[in-house]
């Protein structure tokens, strides 16, 4: 099985990246980063150099760094190595999770109609996910995902672990890619990478 090294911004991105690598029939290799976007972009040329010789998947969020992914990609990595799959989640990986409306609705215990049909058009998909969790009938979901009053945190205390559980056990990338173009491009890139021999 082809092993793909991974570099990501954070722990949730790691769960998503590993899930996608497995989805295309490859195996997740070592994971680098998990120290934020700036750290990752500062080392992108090094990952690109490694992508000359071995398969790599580097995943970052677009956030508000550009209006769309192509100009941002061209600016930070104009010449990607042949074995490097550098992909950008629009605007963040939570949009890719929202794109699987059916399974997310079941996970949160809410109506599928409440989940936005075009998650990549949202300014803040993470906040949208938190607001959906606020409507969950499950007290545990609400406590884990929704930030508590009087704290400086932007998410609930077990946000990453609980959303990571959704990614590992319930998220369907095949369904999600139909509603998230940047996810579809990431999967196609990984599918192409999985067919190559380093």
N, C-alpha and C. Protein backbone atom coordinates (compact mmCIF):
# COMPACT_ATOMS: atom_id res chain seq x y z
N UNK A 1 0.84 -1.20 0.00
CA UNK A 1 0.00 0.00 0.00
C UNK A 1 0.87 1.25 0.00
N UNK A 2 0.51 2.18 -0.85
CA UNK A 2 1.24 3.44 -0.93
C UNK A 2 1.10 4.22 0.37
N UNK A 3 2.20 4.68 0.91
CA UNK A 3 2.20 5.50 2.13
C UNK A 3 2.37 6.97 1.74
N UNK A 4 1.49 7.80 2.27
CA UNK A 4 1.51 9.22 1.95
C UNK A 4 1.81 10.02 3.21
N UNK A 5 2.91 10.75 3.20
CA UNK A 5 3.23 11.64 4.32
C UNK A 5 2.27 12.83 4.29
N UNK A 6 1.99 13.38 5.46
CA UNK A 6 0.96 14.41 5.60
C UNK A 6 1.52 15.60 6.36
N UNK A 7 1.11 16.81 5.96
CA UNK A 7 1.42 18.03 6.73
C UNK A 7 0.14 18.85 6.80
N UNK A 8 -0.21 19.26 8.01
CA UNK A 8 -1.49 19.95 8.25
C UNK A 8 -1.32 21.06 9.28
N UNK A 9 -2.36 21.87 9.40
CA UNK A 9 -2.36 22.97 10.37
C UNK A 9 -2.62 22.49 11.80
N UNK A 10 -3.58 21.59 11.96
CA UNK A 10 -3.99 21.21 13.31
C UNK A 10 -4.53 19.80 13.39
N UNK A 11 -5.04 19.45 14.57
CA UNK A 11 -5.47 18.08 14.83
C UNK A 11 -6.69 17.67 14.01
N UNK A 12 -7.65 18.56 13.86
CA UNK A 12 -8.82 18.21 13.05
C UNK A 12 -8.43 18.02 11.60
N UNK A 13 -7.55 18.86 11.10
CA UNK A 13 -7.07 18.72 9.73
C UNK A 13 -6.35 17.37 9.56
N UNK A 14 -5.66 16.94 10.61
CA UNK A 14 -4.99 15.64 10.55
C UNK A 14 -6.02 14.52 10.37
N UNK A 15 -7.12 14.58 11.13
CA UNK A 15 -8.16 13.55 11.01
C UNK A 15 -8.74 13.53 9.61
N UNK A 16 -9.00 14.72 9.05
CA UNK A 16 -9.55 14.82 7.70
C UNK A 16 -8.56 14.29 6.66
N UNK A 17 -7.31 14.70 6.78
CA UNK A 17 -6.29 14.27 5.81
C UNK A 17 -6.11 12.75 5.84
N UNK A 18 -6.03 12.17 7.02
CA UNK A 18 -5.89 10.72 7.12
C UNK A 18 -7.09 10.00 6.53
N UNK A 19 -8.27 10.52 6.79
CA UNK A 19 -9.50 9.91 6.25
C UNK A 19 -9.48 9.94 4.73
N UNK A 20 -9.04 11.04 4.16
CA UNK A 20 -9.00 11.16 2.70
C UNK A 20 -7.94 10.25 2.08
N UNK A 21 -6.79 10.14 2.72
CA UNK A 21 -5.75 9.25 2.21
C UNK A 21 -6.26 7.81 2.21
N UNK A 22 -6.92 7.41 3.29
CA UNK A 22 -7.49 6.06 3.33
C UNK A 22 -8.59 5.90 2.29
N UNK A 23 -9.37 6.95 2.08
CA UNK A 23 -10.49 6.90 1.15
C UNK A 23 -10.03 6.55 -0.27
N UNK A 24 -8.84 7.01 -0.66
CA UNK A 24 -8.34 6.72 -2.01
C UNK A 24 -7.54 5.43 -2.06
N UNK A 25 -7.49 4.71 -0.95
CA UNK A 25 -6.83 3.41 -0.94
C UNK A 25 -5.37 3.43 -0.60
N UNK A 26 -4.89 4.55 -0.10
CA UNK A 26 -3.49 4.65 0.34
C UNK A 26 -3.43 4.59 1.86
N UNK A 27 -2.22 4.63 2.39
CA UNK A 27 -2.04 4.58 3.84
C UNK A 27 -1.42 5.88 4.34
N UNK A 28 -1.95 6.43 5.44
CA UNK A 28 -1.34 7.63 6.01
C UNK A 28 0.05 7.33 6.57
N UNK A 29 1.01 8.15 6.18
CA UNK A 29 2.35 8.03 6.72
C UNK A 29 2.53 8.98 7.89
N UNK A 30 3.76 9.42 8.15
CA UNK A 30 4.01 10.36 9.25
C UNK A 30 3.25 11.67 9.01
N UNK A 31 2.83 12.30 10.11
CA UNK A 31 2.09 13.56 10.03
C UNK A 31 2.95 14.68 10.63
N UNK A 32 3.11 15.75 9.87
CA UNK A 32 3.93 16.87 10.29
C UNK A 32 3.07 18.12 10.47
N UNK A 33 3.58 19.07 11.24
CA UNK A 33 2.88 20.32 11.43
C UNK A 33 2.09 20.35 12.71
N UNK A 34 0.77 20.57 12.56
CA UNK A 34 -0.15 20.70 13.70
C UNK A 34 0.27 21.84 14.62
N UNK A 35 0.92 22.85 14.01
CA UNK A 35 1.36 24.02 14.77
C UNK A 35 0.87 25.32 14.12
N UNK A 36 -0.20 25.21 13.33
CA UNK A 36 -0.79 26.39 12.73
C UNK A 36 -0.38 26.60 11.29
N UNK A 37 -1.08 27.52 10.68
CA UNK A 37 -0.89 27.78 9.24
C UNK A 37 0.45 28.44 8.93
N UNK A 38 0.85 29.41 9.73
CA UNK A 38 2.11 30.11 9.48
C UNK A 38 3.28 29.15 9.50
N UNK A 39 3.30 28.28 10.51
CA UNK A 39 4.38 27.28 10.62
C UNK A 39 4.42 26.42 9.37
N UNK A 40 3.25 26.01 8.91
CA UNK A 40 3.18 25.13 7.74
C UNK A 40 3.66 25.82 6.48
N UNK A 41 3.20 27.05 6.26
CA UNK A 41 3.58 27.76 5.04
C UNK A 41 5.07 28.11 5.03
N UNK A 42 5.64 28.36 6.19
CA UNK A 42 7.07 28.66 6.26
C UNK A 42 7.92 27.46 5.84
N UNK A 43 7.37 26.28 5.97
CA UNK A 43 8.11 25.06 5.64
C UNK A 43 7.61 24.39 4.36
N UNK A 44 6.77 25.09 3.63
CA UNK A 44 6.15 24.50 2.44
C UNK A 44 7.18 24.13 1.38
N UNK A 45 8.21 24.95 1.23
CA UNK A 45 9.23 24.62 0.22
C UNK A 45 9.95 23.33 0.57
N UNK A 46 10.14 23.08 1.86
CA UNK A 46 10.77 21.82 2.27
C UNK A 46 9.89 20.61 1.98
N UNK A 47 8.59 20.76 2.25
CA UNK A 47 7.67 19.67 1.91
C UNK A 47 7.62 19.46 0.40
N UNK A 48 7.69 20.55 -0.34
CA UNK A 48 7.68 20.46 -1.80
C UNK A 48 8.92 19.74 -2.31
N UNK A 49 10.05 20.02 -1.68
CA UNK A 49 11.29 19.32 -2.07
C UNK A 49 11.15 17.82 -1.80
N UNK A 50 10.57 17.48 -0.65
CA UNK A 50 10.37 16.06 -0.33
C UNK A 50 9.42 15.41 -1.33
N UNK A 51 8.48 16.20 -1.86
CA UNK A 51 7.52 15.70 -2.83
C UNK A 51 8.13 15.39 -4.19
N UNK A 52 9.41 15.66 -4.36
CA UNK A 52 10.10 15.23 -5.57
C UNK A 52 10.38 13.73 -5.54
N UNK A 53 10.39 13.16 -4.33
CA UNK A 53 10.86 11.79 -4.18
C UNK A 53 9.85 10.83 -3.55
N UNK A 54 8.87 11.37 -2.84
CA UNK A 54 7.91 10.52 -2.13
C UNK A 54 6.56 11.22 -2.08
N UNK A 55 5.46 10.47 -1.93
CA UNK A 55 4.12 11.07 -1.93
C UNK A 55 3.86 11.89 -0.66
N UNK A 56 3.33 13.09 -0.86
CA UNK A 56 2.99 13.99 0.22
C UNK A 56 1.61 14.59 -0.01
N UNK A 57 0.89 14.81 1.10
CA UNK A 57 -0.38 15.52 1.08
C UNK A 57 -0.28 16.67 2.07
N UNK A 58 -0.32 17.89 1.57
CA UNK A 58 -0.26 19.08 2.41
C UNK A 58 -1.61 19.79 2.30
N UNK A 59 -2.24 20.01 3.46
CA UNK A 59 -3.59 20.59 3.49
C UNK A 59 -3.60 21.85 4.35
N UNK A 60 -4.10 22.94 3.78
CA UNK A 60 -4.26 24.19 4.53
C UNK A 60 -5.66 24.76 4.28
N UNK A 61 -6.10 25.60 5.20
CA UNK A 61 -7.36 26.32 5.03
C UNK A 61 -7.11 27.60 4.25
N UNK A 62 -8.07 27.98 3.42
CA UNK A 62 -7.97 29.26 2.71
C UNK A 62 -8.19 30.42 3.68
N UNK A 63 -9.11 30.24 4.63
CA UNK A 63 -9.48 31.31 5.56
C UNK A 63 -9.85 32.57 4.76
N UNK A 64 -9.32 33.72 5.19
CA UNK A 64 -9.60 34.97 4.46
C UNK A 64 -8.36 35.46 3.72
N UNK A 65 -7.46 34.55 3.38
CA UNK A 65 -6.20 34.95 2.75
C UNK A 65 -6.37 35.33 1.28
N UNK A 66 -7.47 34.93 0.68
CA UNK A 66 -7.76 35.27 -0.72
C UNK A 66 -9.24 35.03 -0.96
N UNK A 67 -9.74 35.59 -2.07
CA UNK A 67 -11.15 35.39 -2.41
C UNK A 67 -11.42 33.96 -2.86
N UNK A 68 -10.43 33.34 -3.49
CA UNK A 68 -10.58 31.96 -3.92
C UNK A 68 -9.22 31.27 -3.87
N UNK A 69 -9.25 29.95 -4.01
CA UNK A 69 -8.03 29.17 -3.78
C UNK A 69 -6.94 29.33 -4.84
N UNK A 70 -7.25 29.38 -6.15
CA UNK A 70 -6.17 29.39 -7.15
C UNK A 70 -5.13 30.50 -6.99
N UNK A 71 -5.54 31.77 -6.74
CA UNK A 71 -4.50 32.80 -6.56
C UNK A 71 -3.63 32.56 -5.33
N UNK A 72 -4.27 32.08 -4.26
CA UNK A 72 -3.50 31.79 -3.05
C UNK A 72 -2.51 30.66 -3.31
N UNK A 73 -2.98 29.62 -3.99
CA UNK A 73 -2.11 28.48 -4.32
C UNK A 73 -0.94 28.92 -5.20
N UNK A 74 -1.23 29.74 -6.20
CA UNK A 74 -0.18 30.21 -7.10
C UNK A 74 0.85 31.06 -6.37
N UNK A 75 0.39 31.79 -5.37
CA UNK A 75 1.30 32.66 -4.62
C UNK A 75 2.23 31.88 -3.69
N UNK A 76 1.67 30.89 -2.98
CA UNK A 76 2.48 30.20 -1.97
C UNK A 76 3.22 28.99 -2.52
N UNK A 77 2.74 28.40 -3.64
CA UNK A 77 3.42 27.24 -4.21
C UNK A 77 3.18 27.20 -5.72
N UNK A 78 3.90 28.04 -6.46
CA UNK A 78 3.67 28.12 -7.91
C UNK A 78 4.08 26.87 -8.68
N UNK A 79 5.04 26.11 -8.14
CA UNK A 79 5.53 24.93 -8.87
C UNK A 79 5.55 23.70 -7.96
N UNK A 80 4.39 23.09 -7.75
CA UNK A 80 4.35 21.91 -6.87
C UNK A 80 5.09 20.73 -7.47
N UNK A 81 5.74 19.98 -6.61
CA UNK A 81 6.48 18.79 -7.02
C UNK A 81 5.51 17.72 -7.54
N UNK A 82 6.01 16.81 -8.37
CA UNK A 82 5.11 15.81 -8.98
C UNK A 82 4.43 14.87 -8.00
N UNK A 83 5.04 14.66 -6.83
CA UNK A 83 4.45 13.74 -5.85
C UNK A 83 3.86 14.48 -4.66
N UNK A 84 3.69 15.79 -4.79
CA UNK A 84 3.08 16.58 -3.72
C UNK A 84 1.66 16.96 -4.11
N UNK A 85 0.73 16.61 -3.26
CA UNK A 85 -0.65 17.02 -3.42
C UNK A 85 -0.90 18.15 -2.41
N UNK A 86 -0.84 19.39 -2.89
CA UNK A 86 -1.06 20.56 -2.05
C UNK A 86 -2.47 21.07 -2.29
N UNK A 87 -3.33 20.97 -1.26
CA UNK A 87 -4.72 21.35 -1.45
C UNK A 87 -5.17 22.36 -0.40
N UNK A 88 -6.16 23.16 -0.78
CA UNK A 88 -6.65 24.24 0.05
C UNK A 88 -8.14 24.04 0.29
N UNK A 89 -8.53 23.98 1.56
CA UNK A 89 -9.94 23.85 1.92
C UNK A 89 -10.59 25.23 1.92
N UNK A 90 -11.69 25.36 1.20
CA UNK A 90 -12.41 26.64 1.10
C UNK A 90 -13.63 26.59 2.03
N UNK A 91 -13.74 27.50 3.01
CA UNK A 91 -12.65 28.32 3.53
C UNK A 91 -11.89 27.60 4.63
N UNK A 92 -12.43 26.49 5.10
CA UNK A 92 -11.75 25.68 6.09
C UNK A 92 -12.33 24.27 6.04
N UNK A 93 -11.64 23.32 6.67
CA UNK A 93 -12.07 21.91 6.52
C UNK A 93 -13.48 21.67 7.05
N UNK A 94 -13.95 22.51 7.96
CA UNK A 94 -15.33 22.33 8.43
C UNK A 94 -16.34 22.41 7.29
N UNK A 95 -16.03 23.18 6.24
CA UNK A 95 -16.93 23.23 5.08
C UNK A 95 -17.05 21.85 4.45
N UNK A 96 -15.96 21.11 4.41
CA UNK A 96 -15.99 19.76 3.84
C UNK A 96 -16.86 18.83 4.68
N UNK A 97 -16.90 19.05 5.98
CA UNK A 97 -17.72 18.22 6.86
C UNK A 97 -19.19 18.60 6.72
N UNK A 98 -19.47 19.89 6.63
CA UNK A 98 -20.84 20.35 6.42
C UNK A 98 -21.41 19.84 5.10
N UNK A 99 -20.53 19.56 4.15
CA UNK A 99 -20.97 19.12 2.82
C UNK A 99 -21.62 17.74 2.84
N UNK A 100 -21.35 16.95 3.86
CA UNK A 100 -22.04 15.66 4.04
C UNK A 100 -23.23 15.92 4.96
N UNK A 101 -24.25 16.54 4.42
CA UNK A 101 -25.37 17.02 5.22
C UNK A 101 -26.10 15.89 5.93
N UNK A 102 -26.33 14.79 5.22
CA UNK A 102 -27.11 13.70 5.80
C UNK A 102 -26.44 13.12 7.04
N UNK A 103 -25.18 12.79 6.92
CA UNK A 103 -24.50 12.16 8.05
C UNK A 103 -24.24 13.14 9.19
N UNK A 104 -23.97 14.40 8.86
CA UNK A 104 -23.76 15.39 9.92
C UNK A 104 -25.07 15.62 10.67
N UNK A 105 -26.18 15.67 9.95
CA UNK A 105 -27.47 15.85 10.61
C UNK A 105 -27.75 14.70 11.57
N UNK A 106 -27.45 13.50 11.15
CA UNK A 106 -27.65 12.34 12.03
C UNK A 106 -26.74 12.41 13.24
N UNK A 107 -25.50 12.81 13.02
CA UNK A 107 -24.53 12.90 14.11
C UNK A 107 -24.96 13.92 15.16
N UNK A 108 -25.45 15.06 14.69
CA UNK A 108 -25.87 16.12 15.61
C UNK A 108 -27.29 15.91 16.12
N UNK A 109 -28.05 15.08 15.45
CA UNK A 109 -29.44 14.86 15.85
C UNK A 109 -30.36 16.00 15.46
N UNK A 110 -30.07 16.63 14.31
CA UNK A 110 -30.87 17.76 13.85
C UNK A 110 -31.42 17.47 12.46
N UNK A 111 -32.28 18.34 11.97
CA UNK A 111 -32.82 18.19 10.62
C UNK A 111 -31.77 18.55 9.58
N UNK A 112 -31.73 17.75 8.53
CA UNK A 112 -30.79 18.02 7.44
C UNK A 112 -31.06 19.39 6.80
N UNK A 113 -32.30 19.84 6.86
CA UNK A 113 -32.67 21.13 6.26
C UNK A 113 -31.96 22.31 6.93
N UNK A 114 -31.49 22.11 8.14
CA UNK A 114 -30.81 23.19 8.86
C UNK A 114 -29.38 23.41 8.36
N UNK A 115 -28.83 22.45 7.66
CA UNK A 115 -27.43 22.52 7.23
C UNK A 115 -27.32 23.21 5.88
N UNK A 116 -26.50 24.25 5.76
CA UNK A 116 -26.39 25.00 4.50
C UNK A 116 -26.00 24.10 3.34
N UNK A 117 -26.67 24.25 2.19
CA UNK A 117 -26.40 23.37 1.05
C UNK A 117 -25.11 23.70 0.30
N UNK A 118 -24.58 24.89 0.49
CA UNK A 118 -23.35 25.29 -0.21
C UNK A 118 -22.32 25.79 0.81
N UNK A 119 -21.70 24.88 1.54
CA UNK A 119 -20.85 25.27 2.68
C UNK A 119 -19.61 26.07 2.31
N UNK A 120 -19.13 25.92 1.08
CA UNK A 120 -17.92 26.66 0.71
C UNK A 120 -18.19 28.14 0.46
N UNK A 121 -19.46 28.54 0.46
CA UNK A 121 -19.79 29.96 0.32
C UNK A 121 -19.88 30.66 1.67
N UNK A 122 -19.79 29.90 2.75
CA UNK A 122 -19.89 30.47 4.09
C UNK A 122 -18.61 31.22 4.46
N UNK A 123 -18.75 32.32 5.16
CA UNK A 123 -17.58 33.07 5.63
C UNK A 123 -16.84 32.31 6.73
N UNK A 124 -17.59 31.61 7.58
CA UNK A 124 -16.98 30.93 8.72
C UNK A 124 -17.66 29.58 8.95
N UNK A 125 -17.25 28.54 8.21
CA UNK A 125 -17.87 27.23 8.36
C UNK A 125 -17.74 26.65 9.77
N UNK A 126 -16.67 26.97 10.46
CA UNK A 126 -16.51 26.48 11.83
C UNK A 126 -17.61 27.03 12.73
N UNK A 127 -17.87 28.33 12.61
CA UNK A 127 -18.92 28.94 13.41
C UNK A 127 -20.29 28.38 13.03
N UNK A 128 -20.48 28.10 11.75
CA UNK A 128 -21.74 27.50 11.30
C UNK A 128 -21.94 26.13 11.93
N UNK A 129 -20.86 25.35 12.02
CA UNK A 129 -20.94 24.03 12.63
C UNK A 129 -21.27 24.15 14.12
N UNK A 130 -20.65 25.11 14.79
CA UNK A 130 -20.93 25.32 16.22
C UNK A 130 -22.38 25.72 16.44
N UNK A 131 -22.90 26.58 15.58
CA UNK A 131 -24.29 27.02 15.71
C UNK A 131 -25.25 25.85 15.49
N UNK A 132 -24.91 24.95 14.58
CA UNK A 132 -25.72 23.75 14.37
C UNK A 132 -25.67 22.86 15.61
N UNK A 133 -24.49 22.72 16.19
CA UNK A 133 -24.35 21.91 17.40
C UNK A 133 -25.16 22.49 18.55
N UNK A 134 -25.30 23.79 18.57
CA UNK A 134 -26.08 24.46 19.62
C UNK A 134 -27.55 24.01 19.58
N UNK A 135 -28.00 23.58 18.41
CA UNK A 135 -29.39 23.15 18.24
C UNK A 135 -29.58 21.65 18.46
N UNK A 136 -28.49 20.95 18.76
CA UNK A 136 -28.56 19.50 18.96
C UNK A 136 -29.35 19.17 20.23
N UNK A 137 -30.20 18.14 20.17
CA UNK A 137 -30.88 17.70 21.39
C UNK A 137 -29.95 16.99 22.37
N UNK A 138 -28.74 16.64 21.90
CA UNK A 138 -27.78 15.95 22.75
C UNK A 138 -27.02 16.94 23.63
N UNK A 139 -27.18 16.82 24.92
CA UNK A 139 -26.46 17.70 25.84
C UNK A 139 -24.96 17.52 25.70
N UNK A 140 -24.51 16.28 25.50
CA UNK A 140 -23.08 16.02 25.36
C UNK A 140 -22.50 16.73 24.13
N UNK A 141 -23.23 16.68 23.02
CA UNK A 141 -22.78 17.38 21.81
C UNK A 141 -22.66 18.87 22.09
N UNK A 142 -23.67 19.45 22.71
CA UNK A 142 -23.65 20.88 22.99
C UNK A 142 -22.50 21.25 23.92
N UNK A 143 -22.30 20.45 24.96
CA UNK A 143 -21.22 20.75 25.91
C UNK A 143 -19.85 20.63 25.26
N UNK A 144 -19.70 19.66 24.36
CA UNK A 144 -18.40 19.42 23.74
C UNK A 144 -18.04 20.45 22.67
N UNK A 145 -19.04 20.87 21.87
CA UNK A 145 -18.74 21.69 20.70
C UNK A 145 -18.95 23.18 20.90
N UNK A 146 -19.91 23.54 21.74
CA UNK A 146 -20.29 24.95 21.85
C UNK A 146 -19.47 25.64 22.94
N UNK A 147 -18.90 26.77 22.59
CA UNK A 147 -18.09 27.49 23.57
C UNK A 147 -18.95 27.96 24.74
N UNK A 148 -18.34 27.98 25.91
CA UNK A 148 -19.07 28.35 27.11
C UNK A 148 -18.89 29.81 27.42
N UNK A 149 -19.93 30.41 27.99
CA UNK A 149 -19.87 31.82 28.36
C UNK A 149 -18.81 32.04 29.43
N UNK A 150 -18.12 33.16 29.30
CA UNK A 150 -17.10 33.49 30.28
C UNK A 150 -15.74 32.91 29.98
N UNK A 151 -15.59 32.21 28.82
CA UNK A 151 -14.28 31.68 28.44
C UNK A 151 -13.77 32.44 27.23
N UNK A 152 -12.47 32.37 27.01
CA UNK A 152 -11.87 33.04 25.85
C UNK A 152 -11.73 32.09 24.67
N UNK A 153 -12.07 30.82 24.87
CA UNK A 153 -11.97 29.84 23.79
C UNK A 153 -12.99 30.14 22.70
N UNK A 154 -12.64 29.77 21.46
CA UNK A 154 -13.55 30.01 20.34
C UNK A 154 -14.44 28.80 20.07
N UNK A 155 -14.11 27.66 20.65
CA UNK A 155 -14.90 26.44 20.46
C UNK A 155 -15.07 25.75 21.81
N UNK A 156 -15.95 24.76 21.83
CA UNK A 156 -16.18 24.00 23.05
C UNK A 156 -14.96 23.20 23.46
N UNK A 157 -14.93 22.70 24.71
CA UNK A 157 -13.74 22.06 25.26
C UNK A 157 -13.33 20.75 24.58
N UNK A 158 -14.28 20.07 23.94
CA UNK A 158 -13.95 18.81 23.27
C UNK A 158 -14.30 18.88 21.78
N UNK A 159 -14.22 20.09 21.23
CA UNK A 159 -14.59 20.31 19.83
C UNK A 159 -13.81 19.39 18.89
N UNK A 160 -12.49 19.42 19.01
CA UNK A 160 -11.65 18.67 18.08
C UNK A 160 -11.89 17.17 18.20
N UNK A 161 -11.97 16.68 19.43
CA UNK A 161 -12.18 15.24 19.63
C UNK A 161 -13.53 14.79 19.10
N UNK A 162 -14.57 15.58 19.37
CA UNK A 162 -15.92 15.18 18.95
C UNK A 162 -16.08 15.28 17.44
N UNK A 163 -15.59 16.34 16.84
CA UNK A 163 -15.68 16.47 15.39
C UNK A 163 -14.78 15.45 14.71
N UNK A 164 -13.64 15.16 15.33
CA UNK A 164 -12.77 14.11 14.81
C UNK A 164 -13.45 12.75 14.82
N UNK A 165 -14.29 12.51 15.82
CA UNK A 165 -15.08 11.27 15.87
C UNK A 165 -16.02 11.20 14.68
N UNK A 166 -16.65 12.32 14.34
CA UNK A 166 -17.52 12.36 13.16
C UNK A 166 -16.72 12.03 11.90
N UNK A 167 -15.54 12.62 11.77
CA UNK A 167 -14.71 12.39 10.59
C UNK A 167 -14.36 10.91 10.47
N UNK A 168 -13.93 10.31 11.55
CA UNK A 168 -13.46 8.92 11.53
C UNK A 168 -14.58 7.90 11.32
N UNK A 169 -15.75 8.16 11.90
CA UNK A 169 -16.78 7.13 11.96
C UNK A 169 -18.00 7.37 11.07
N UNK A 170 -18.24 8.62 10.71
CA UNK A 170 -19.51 8.91 10.04
C UNK A 170 -19.39 9.67 8.73
N UNK A 171 -18.35 10.46 8.57
CA UNK A 171 -18.22 11.33 7.39
C UNK A 171 -18.02 10.52 6.13
N UNK A 172 -18.76 10.87 5.07
CA UNK A 172 -18.66 10.20 3.78
C UNK A 172 -18.07 11.16 2.75
N UNK A 173 -16.77 11.06 2.46
CA UNK A 173 -16.16 11.99 1.50
C UNK A 173 -16.79 11.94 0.12
N UNK A 174 -17.28 10.76 -0.28
CA UNK A 174 -17.89 10.64 -1.62
C UNK A 174 -19.15 11.51 -1.72
N UNK A 175 -19.94 11.52 -0.66
CA UNK A 175 -21.12 12.37 -0.63
C UNK A 175 -20.72 13.84 -0.50
N UNK A 176 -19.76 14.12 0.36
CA UNK A 176 -19.36 15.50 0.61
C UNK A 176 -18.75 16.17 -0.62
N UNK A 177 -18.01 15.43 -1.42
CA UNK A 177 -17.33 16.03 -2.56
C UNK A 177 -18.31 16.60 -3.59
N UNK A 178 -19.54 16.11 -3.57
CA UNK A 178 -20.56 16.60 -4.49
C UNK A 178 -21.00 18.03 -4.18
N UNK A 179 -20.74 18.46 -2.94
CA UNK A 179 -21.20 19.77 -2.50
C UNK A 179 -20.06 20.69 -2.07
N UNK A 180 -18.83 20.23 -2.27
CA UNK A 180 -17.65 21.02 -1.89
C UNK A 180 -16.59 20.88 -2.98
N UNK A 181 -16.54 21.80 -3.93
CA UNK A 181 -15.61 21.68 -5.05
C UNK A 181 -14.14 21.55 -4.64
N UNK A 182 -13.73 22.25 -3.59
CA UNK A 182 -12.32 22.14 -3.20
C UNK A 182 -12.02 20.76 -2.62
N UNK A 183 -13.00 20.13 -2.00
CA UNK A 183 -12.82 18.76 -1.53
C UNK A 183 -12.74 17.82 -2.71
N UNK A 184 -13.58 18.01 -3.70
CA UNK A 184 -13.53 17.17 -4.90
C UNK A 184 -12.16 17.25 -5.56
N UNK A 185 -11.60 18.46 -5.63
CA UNK A 185 -10.27 18.63 -6.22
C UNK A 185 -9.21 17.92 -5.38
N UNK A 186 -9.35 17.98 -4.07
CA UNK A 186 -8.39 17.31 -3.19
C UNK A 186 -8.45 15.80 -3.38
N UNK A 187 -9.65 15.25 -3.48
CA UNK A 187 -9.78 13.80 -3.67
C UNK A 187 -9.22 13.39 -5.02
N UNK A 188 -9.50 14.17 -6.07
CA UNK A 188 -8.96 13.83 -7.38
C UNK A 188 -7.44 13.89 -7.39
N UNK A 189 -6.89 14.86 -6.68
CA UNK A 189 -5.43 14.96 -6.57
C UNK A 189 -4.85 13.73 -5.87
N UNK A 190 -5.49 13.31 -4.78
CA UNK A 190 -5.02 12.14 -4.05
C UNK A 190 -5.22 10.87 -4.86
N UNK A 191 -6.31 10.79 -5.60
CA UNK A 191 -6.52 9.61 -6.46
C UNK A 191 -5.42 9.51 -7.51
N UNK A 192 -5.06 10.63 -8.08
CA UNK A 192 -3.98 10.66 -9.06
C UNK A 192 -2.66 10.28 -8.39
N UNK A 193 -2.43 10.80 -7.19
CA UNK A 193 -1.20 10.49 -6.48
C UNK A 193 -1.11 9.00 -6.15
N UNK A 194 -2.25 8.40 -5.79
CA UNK A 194 -2.25 6.98 -5.40
C UNK A 194 -1.94 6.06 -6.57
N UNK A 195 -2.10 6.59 -7.79
CA UNK A 195 -1.79 5.77 -8.98
C UNK A 195 -0.35 5.90 -9.43
N UNK A 196 0.38 6.84 -8.83
CA UNK A 196 1.77 7.06 -9.22
C UNK A 196 2.72 6.19 -8.40
N UNK A 197 3.87 5.94 -8.96
CA UNK A 197 4.90 5.20 -8.24
C UNK A 197 6.06 6.13 -7.95
N UNK A 198 6.39 6.33 -6.67
CA UNK A 198 7.51 7.22 -6.34
C UNK A 198 8.84 6.64 -6.80
